[in-house]
Every structure is written in C-alpha cells, then in structure tokens.
C-alpha cells in the first residue's frame, strides 16, 4: 500500500450490471454525464491505462499525464509515457504526481490493468450502468469483505445518456 506521502490509487470505472466494461475496444454505451464526471475526477492527476484503452481514446487527454502500460517494447504513444511493467507504470505515475502535487493516481483500465493494480487500489469510483450487455472486457470481482461503500449518488439521466446509472464510491476496509 502507498505510504502517507504517496498518492493514493483510485480506480475509475463504468460497468454494466454483469461486470462488462468494454466490447471491441470501446464502451458498450454512451453516457455523456459519466464522461463529464470522469473528466472532473481525473483532471490534474496522472493516469495509468493499458494500450487498448489508450487506443480507444485515441489521443492525450488535456490536463492529465497518461502512462500507457504495454508489453510491446516498440510501442510509442505521442503525448503519453510508456511503461513495460506495472511497477514501472506506478513509478512513473508517482514521479508525475510528485511534480504536480497530485494526491491521487488514477487507474483507468481496462480489465487487465484494473486486476494488476487492485491489490494497491484504495478507492474505486464506479458508474453502475443499468444494463446487462455482451462484452469482452470485465471489471474484476470484488470481495465485499475488503470494500465499504462510502457514497452513492443517483443523478438524473441526461438527454445524451443511453442508460440509467448511478455512482458508487468504495473504499478499502482497514484491518
């Protein structure tokens, strides 16, 4: 776990009721409200994401330093940092956080990236999407004994939202 001066790891994910987070390297829904929330939660913070997530976004995100984790040693991501291992990605993100006094590092997916960093993640910000859908990327199952719900918000569905949804904040239980 991160120490008192280390930035906390926060996973941010939108998932369907059946745990699906992606299909064919894209989101299976369009939720304008959630994209605005994602931007607000990530602004000014270093982010770690996998190469497929980077490819699906297709560009650097303004106001955020991105670390792309990939096994491909030849991969280059213009406007982002590239790391070959989770340890290297975390070290790079911590260095970037120190440069900007960020108190959090965002884990932004996909499924393999969430799984790799889950043991060190302290907070999970979930958009629970009221759909069951087919997909090829899933959020890992969480042990309810390890996580405590600390907040639940039920915003109104906006005109550019394809499904109902609500936001849940989970924090790792302290032993």
C-alpha atoms as a PDB file:
ATOM      1  CA  UNK A   1       0.000   0.000   0.000  1.00  0.00           C
ATOM      2  CA  UNK A   2       1.082   3.548  -0.506  1.00  0.00           C
ATOM      3  CA  UNK A   3       2.557   5.419   2.430  1.00  0.00           C
ATOM      4  CA  UNK A   4       1.409   8.707   3.955  1.00  0.00           C
ATOM      5  CA  UNK A   5       3.260  10.814   1.379  1.00  0.00           C
ATOM      6  CA  UNK A   6       2.474   8.584  -1.589  1.00  0.00           C
ATOM      7  CA  UNK A   7      -0.500   9.370  -3.797  1.00  0.00           C
ATOM      8  CA  UNK A   8      -3.471   7.056  -3.358  1.00  0.00           C
ATOM      9  CA  UNK A   9      -4.501   4.743  -6.186  1.00  0.00           C
ATOM     10  CA  UNK A  10      -8.071   5.357  -7.352  1.00  0.00           C
ATOM     11  CA  UNK A  11      -9.705   3.127  -9.945  1.00  0.00           C
ATOM     12  CA  UNK A  12     -12.380   4.820 -12.047  1.00  0.00           C
ATOM     13  CA  UNK A  13     -14.679   2.530 -13.997  1.00  0.00           C
ATOM     14  CA  UNK A  14     -18.099   2.347 -15.620  1.00  0.00           C
ATOM     15  CA  UNK A  15     -19.526  -1.163 -15.554  1.00  0.00           C
ATOM     16  CA  UNK A  16     -22.728  -2.889 -16.540  1.00  0.00           C
ATOM     17  CA  UNK A  17     -24.708  -4.935 -14.003  1.00  0.00           C
ATOM     18  CA  UNK A  18     -22.986  -8.071 -15.326  1.00  0.00           C
ATOM     19  CA  UNK A  19     -19.479  -6.586 -14.891  1.00  0.00           C
ATOM     20  CA  UNK A  20     -18.871  -5.737 -18.564  1.00  0.00           C
ATOM     21  CA  UNK A  21     -16.699  -2.648 -19.076  1.00  0.00           C
ATOM     22  CA  UNK A  22     -15.955  -2.914 -22.789  1.00  0.00           C
ATOM     23  CA  UNK A  23     -16.631  -4.552 -26.108  1.00  0.00           C
ATOM     24  CA  UNK A  24     -14.419  -4.481 -29.190  1.00  0.00           C
ATOM     25  CA  UNK A  25     -12.131  -1.901 -27.542  1.00  0.00           C
ATOM     26  CA  UNK A  26     -14.966   0.551 -26.894  1.00  0.00           C
ATOM     27  CA  UNK A  27     -17.619   1.314 -24.295  1.00  0.00           C
ATOM     28  CA  UNK A  28     -20.883  -0.584 -24.875  1.00  0.00           C
ATOM     29  CA  UNK A  29     -22.917   2.568 -24.082  1.00  0.00           C
ATOM     30  CA  UNK A  30     -22.829   6.340 -24.409  1.00  0.00           C
ATOM     31  CA  UNK A  31     -23.174   8.284 -21.164  1.00  0.00           C
ATOM     32  CA  UNK A  32     -22.311  11.943 -21.610  1.00  0.00           C
ATOM     33  CA  UNK A  33     -22.895  12.561 -17.885  1.00  0.00           C
ATOM     34  CA  UNK A  34     -20.344   9.902 -16.967  1.00  0.00           C
ATOM     35  CA  UNK A  35     -17.732  11.275 -19.370  1.00  0.00           C
ATOM     36  CA  UNK A  36     -18.066  14.687 -17.683  1.00  0.00           C
ATOM     37  CA  UNK A  37     -17.666  13.058 -14.263  1.00  0.00           C
ATOM     38  CA  UNK A  38     -14.619  11.119 -15.485  1.00  0.00           C
ATOM     39  CA  UNK A  39     -13.018  14.357 -16.626  1.00  0.00           C
ATOM     40  CA  UNK A  40     -13.734  16.054 -13.277  1.00  0.00           C
ATOM     41  CA  UNK A  41     -12.352  13.103 -11.279  1.00  0.00           C
ATOM     42  CA  UNK A  42      -9.172  12.786 -13.360  1.00  0.00           C
ATOM     43  CA  UNK A  43      -8.196  16.385 -14.123  1.00  0.00           C
ATOM     44  CA  UNK A  44      -4.677  17.206 -12.944  1.00  0.00           C
ATOM     45  CA  UNK A  45      -3.901  13.606 -11.955  1.00  0.00           C
ATOM     46  CA  UNK A  46      -1.570  11.079 -13.551  1.00  0.00           C
ATOM     47  CA  UNK A  47      -3.436   8.171 -15.092  1.00  0.00           C
ATOM     48  CA  UNK A  48      -2.383   4.590 -15.796  1.00  0.00           C
ATOM     49  CA  UNK A  49      -4.128   2.733 -18.602  1.00  0.00           C
ATOM     50  CA  UNK A  50      -3.490  -0.165 -20.914  1.00  0.00           C
ATOM     51  CA  UNK A  51      -2.601   0.156 -24.559  1.00  0.00           C
ATOM     52  CA  UNK A  52      -6.065  -0.876 -25.774  1.00  0.00           C
ATOM     53  CA  UNK A  53      -7.672   1.782 -23.567  1.00  0.00           C
ATOM     54  CA  UNK A  54      -5.189   4.329 -24.932  1.00  0.00           C
ATOM     55  CA  UNK A  55      -6.011   3.214 -28.481  1.00  0.00           C
ATOM     56  CA  UNK A  56      -9.747   3.547 -27.831  1.00  0.00           C
ATOM     57  CA  UNK A  57      -9.316   7.130 -26.573  1.00  0.00           C
ATOM     58  CA  UNK A  58      -7.028   7.885 -29.479  1.00  0.00           C
ATOM     59  CA  UNK A  59      -5.282  10.957 -28.075  1.00  0.00           C
ATOM     60  CA  UNK A  60      -3.763  12.524 -24.963  1.00  0.00           C
ATOM     61  CA  UNK A  61      -6.296  13.923 -22.505  1.00  0.00           C
ATOM     62  CA  UNK A  62      -5.756  17.615 -21.720  1.00  0.00           C
ATOM     63  CA  UNK A  63      -4.725  18.371 -18.142  1.00  0.00           C
ATOM     64  CA  UNK A  64      -3.684  14.783 -17.396  1.00  0.00           C
ATOM     65  CA  UNK A  65      -0.409  12.903 -17.732  1.00  0.00           C
ATOM     66  CA  UNK A  66      -1.030   9.392 -19.040  1.00  0.00           C
ATOM     67  CA  UNK A  67       1.132   6.327 -18.515  1.00  0.00           C
ATOM     68  CA  UNK A  68       0.360   3.575 -21.030  1.00  0.00           C
ATOM     69  CA  UNK A  69       1.189   0.067 -19.823  1.00  0.00           C
ATOM     70  CA  UNK A  70       2.055  -2.331 -22.646  1.00  0.00           C
ATOM     71  CA  UNK A  71       4.103  -5.460 -23.245  1.00  0.00           C
ATOM     72  CA  UNK A  72       5.065  -4.193 -26.715  1.00  0.00           C
ATOM     73  CA  UNK A  73       8.633  -2.814 -26.435  1.00  0.00           C
ATOM     74  CA  UNK A  74       8.257  -0.905 -29.722  1.00  0.00           C
ATOM     75  CA  UNK A  75       5.021   0.870 -28.762  1.00  0.00           C
ATOM     76  CA  UNK A  76       5.108   4.666 -28.696  1.00  0.00           C
ATOM     77  CA  UNK A  77       2.262   6.912 -27.552  1.00  0.00           C
ATOM     78  CA  UNK A  78       2.627  10.513 -28.652  1.00  0.00           C
ATOM     79  CA  UNK A  79       1.835  12.777 -25.709  1.00  0.00           C
ATOM     80  CA  UNK A  80       1.989   9.966 -23.151  1.00  0.00           C
ATOM     81  CA  UNK A  81       4.550   7.978 -21.181  1.00  0.00           C
ATOM     82  CA  UNK A  82       5.019   4.262 -21.876  1.00  0.00           C
ATOM     83  CA  UNK A  83       5.814   1.570 -19.298  1.00  0.00           C
ATOM     84  CA  UNK A  84       6.568  -2.121 -19.750  1.00  0.00           C
ATOM     85  CA  UNK A  85       5.565  -3.365 -16.270  1.00  0.00           C
ATOM     86  CA  UNK A  86       3.051  -2.387 -13.597  1.00  0.00           C
ATOM     87  CA  UNK A  87       5.952  -1.423 -11.323  1.00  0.00           C
ATOM     88  CA  UNK A  88       7.436   0.872 -13.962  1.00  0.00           C
ATOM     89  CA  UNK A  89       3.998   2.401 -14.654  1.00  0.00           C
ATOM     90  CA  UNK A  90       3.444   3.079 -10.965  1.00  0.00           C
ATOM     91  CA  UNK A  91       6.929   4.565 -10.507  1.00  0.00           C
ATOM     92  CA  UNK A  92       6.369   6.870 -13.485  1.00  0.00           C
ATOM     93  CA  UNK A  93       2.924   7.910 -12.226  1.00  0.00           C
ATOM     94  CA  UNK A  94       4.323   8.595  -8.730  1.00  0.00           C
ATOM     95  CA  UNK A  95       7.073  10.757 -10.224  1.00  0.00           C
ATOM     96  CA  UNK A  96       4.496  12.681 -12.256  1.00  0.00           C
ATOM     97  CA  UNK A  97       2.275  13.088  -9.187  1.00  0.00           C
ATOM     98  CA  UNK A  98       5.202  14.499  -7.205  1.00  0.00           C
ATOM     99  CA  UNK A  99       5.846  17.083  -9.926  1.00  0.00           C
ATOM    100  CA  UNK A 100       2.272  18.369  -9.718  1.00  0.00           C
ATOM    101  CA  UNK A 101       1.498  17.694  -6.028  1.00  0.00           C
ATOM    102  CA  UNK A 102      -1.277  15.293  -7.086  1.00  0.00           C
ATOM    103  CA  UNK A 103      -2.599  13.253  -4.169  1.00  0.00           C
ATOM    104  CA  UNK A 104      -4.118  10.543  -6.377  1.00  0.00           C
ATOM    105  CA  UNK A 105      -3.105   8.341  -9.284  1.00  0.00           C
ATOM    106  CA  UNK A 106      -5.989   7.160 -11.459  1.00  0.00           C
ATOM    107  CA  UNK A 107      -6.207   3.587 -12.704  1.00  0.00           C
ATOM    108  CA  UNK A 108      -8.294   3.925 -15.863  1.00  0.00           C
ATOM    109  CA  UNK A 109      -8.484   0.390 -17.263  1.00  0.00           C
ATOM    110  CA  UNK A 110      -9.032  -1.893 -18.991  1.00  0.00           C
ATOM    111  CA  UNK A 111      -9.780  -5.129 -17.205  1.00  0.00           C
ATOM    112  CA  UNK A 112      -6.208  -6.443 -17.014  1.00  0.00           C
ATOM    113  CA  UNK A 113      -4.955  -3.091 -15.712  1.00  0.00           C
ATOM    114  CA  UNK A 114      -7.654  -2.958 -13.024  1.00  0.00           C
ATOM    115  CA  UNK A 115      -6.698  -6.509 -11.972  1.00  0.00           C
ATOM    116  CA  UNK A 116      -2.976  -5.675 -11.866  1.00  0.00           C
ATOM    117  CA  UNK A 117      -3.430  -2.652  -9.590  1.00  0.00           C
ATOM    118  CA  UNK A 118      -6.407  -3.793  -7.498  1.00  0.00           C
ATOM    119  CA  UNK A 119      -4.240  -5.013  -4.578  1.00  0.00           C
ATOM    120  CA  UNK A 120      -2.859  -1.467  -4.137  1.00  0.00           C
ATOM    121  CA  UNK A 121      -6.043   0.427  -5.008  1.00  0.00           C
ATOM    122  CA  UNK A 122      -7.552   2.299  -2.067  1.00  0.00           C
ATOM    123  CA  UNK A 123     -10.682   3.778  -3.681  1.00  0.00           C
ATOM    124  CA  UNK A 124     -12.911   2.696  -6.555  1.00  0.00           C
ATOM    125  CA  UNK A 125     -15.229   5.191  -8.242  1.00  0.00           C
ATOM    126  CA  UNK A 126     -17.845   3.143 -10.100  1.00  0.00           C
ATOM    127  CA  UNK A 127     -20.505   4.233 -12.512  1.00  0.00           C
ATOM    128  CA  UNK A 128     -23.057   1.424 -12.245  1.00  0.00           C
ATOM    129  CA  UNK A 129     -24.763   1.274 -15.635  1.00  0.00           C
ATOM    130  CA  UNK A 130     -28.284  -0.185 -15.563  1.00  0.00           C
ATOM    131  CA  UNK A 131     -27.653  -2.580 -18.449  1.00  0.00           C
ATOM    132  CA  UNK A 132     -26.650  -6.179 -18.976  1.00  0.00           C
ATOM    133  CA  UNK A 133     -24.596  -6.325 -22.143  1.00  0.00           C
ATOM    134  CA  UNK A 134     -22.224  -8.520 -24.071  1.00  0.00           C
ATOM    135  CA  UNK A 135     -18.577  -7.606 -23.883  1.00  0.00           C
ATOM    136  CA  UNK A 136     -15.032  -8.843 -23.920  1.00  0.00           C
ATOM    137  CA  UNK A 137     -13.645  -6.781 -21.031  1.00  0.00           C
ATOM    138  CA  UNK A 138     -14.826  -7.174 -17.442  1.00  0.00           C
ATOM    139  CA  UNK A 139     -14.120  -5.463 -14.149  1.00  0.00           C
ATOM    140  CA  UNK A 140     -12.681  -7.931 -11.628  1.00  0.00           C
ATOM    141  CA  UNK A 141     -14.977  -9.348  -8.957  1.00  0.00           C
ATOM    142  CA  UNK A 142     -14.608  -7.554  -5.633  1.00  0.00           C
ATOM    143  CA  UNK A 143     -14.596  -9.199  -2.217  1.00  0.00           C
ATOM    144  CA  UNK A 144     -17.287  -7.359  -0.206  1.00  0.00           C
ATOM    145  CA  UNK A 145     -15.289  -8.031   2.967  1.00  0.00           C
ATOM    146  CA  UNK A 146     -12.491  -5.822   1.562  1.00  0.00           C
ATOM    147  CA  UNK A 147     -14.605  -2.883   0.339  1.00  0.00           C
ATOM    148  CA  UNK A 148     -17.004  -0.484   2.013  1.00  0.00           C
ATOM    149  CA  UNK A 149     -19.494   1.724   0.169  1.00  0.00           C
ATOM    150  CA  UNK A 150     -18.963   5.289   1.346  1.00  0.00           C
ATOM    151  CA  UNK A 151     -21.118   7.198  -1.135  1.00  0.00           C
ATOM    152  CA  UNK A 152     -23.920   6.578  -3.610  1.00  0.00           C
ATOM    153  CA  UNK A 153     -25.285   9.269  -5.911  1.00  0.00           C
ATOM    154  CA  UNK A 154     -28.281   8.890  -8.199  1.00  0.00           C
ATOM    155  CA  UNK A 155     -28.161  11.727 -10.730  1.00  0.00           C
ATOM    156  CA  UNK A 156     -30.888  12.347 -13.270  1.00  0.00           C
ATOM    157  CA  UNK A 157     -30.344  10.682 -16.639  1.00  0.00           C
ATOM    158  CA  UNK A 158     -29.312  13.336 -19.129  1.00  0.00           C
ATOM    159  CA  UNK A 159     -30.570  13.722 -22.701  1.00  0.00           C
ATOM    160  CA  UNK A 160     -27.299  12.289 -24.081  1.00  0.00           C
ATOM    161  CA  UNK A 161     -27.221   9.251 -21.758  1.00  0.00           C
ATOM    162  CA  UNK A 162     -28.231   5.916 -23.298  1.00  0.00           C
ATOM    163  CA  UNK A 163     -28.999   4.217 -19.970  1.00  0.00           C
ATOM    164  CA  UNK A 164     -29.819   4.878 -16.347  1.00  0.00           C
ATOM    165  CA  UNK A 165     -26.857   4.840 -13.996  1.00  0.00           C
ATOM    166  CA  UNK A 166     -25.669   5.759 -10.521  1.00  0.00           C
ATOM    167  CA  UNK A 167     -22.305   6.473  -8.929  1.00  0.00           C
ATOM    168  CA  UNK A 168     -20.814   4.430  -6.092  1.00  0.00           C
ATOM    169  CA  UNK A 169     -17.627   5.129  -4.135  1.00  0.00           C
ATOM    170  CA  UNK A 170     -15.925   2.152  -2.495  1.00  0.00           C
ATOM    171  CA  UNK A 171     -13.028   2.428  -0.046  1.00  0.00           C
ATOM    172  CA  UNK A 172     -10.795  -0.409   1.031  1.00  0.00           C
ATOM    173  CA  UNK A 173     -11.624  -1.513   4.566  1.00  0.00           C
ATOM    174  CA  UNK A 174      -8.829  -1.032   7.067  1.00  0.00           C
ATOM    175  CA  UNK A 175      -7.788  -4.122   9.051  1.00  0.00           C
END
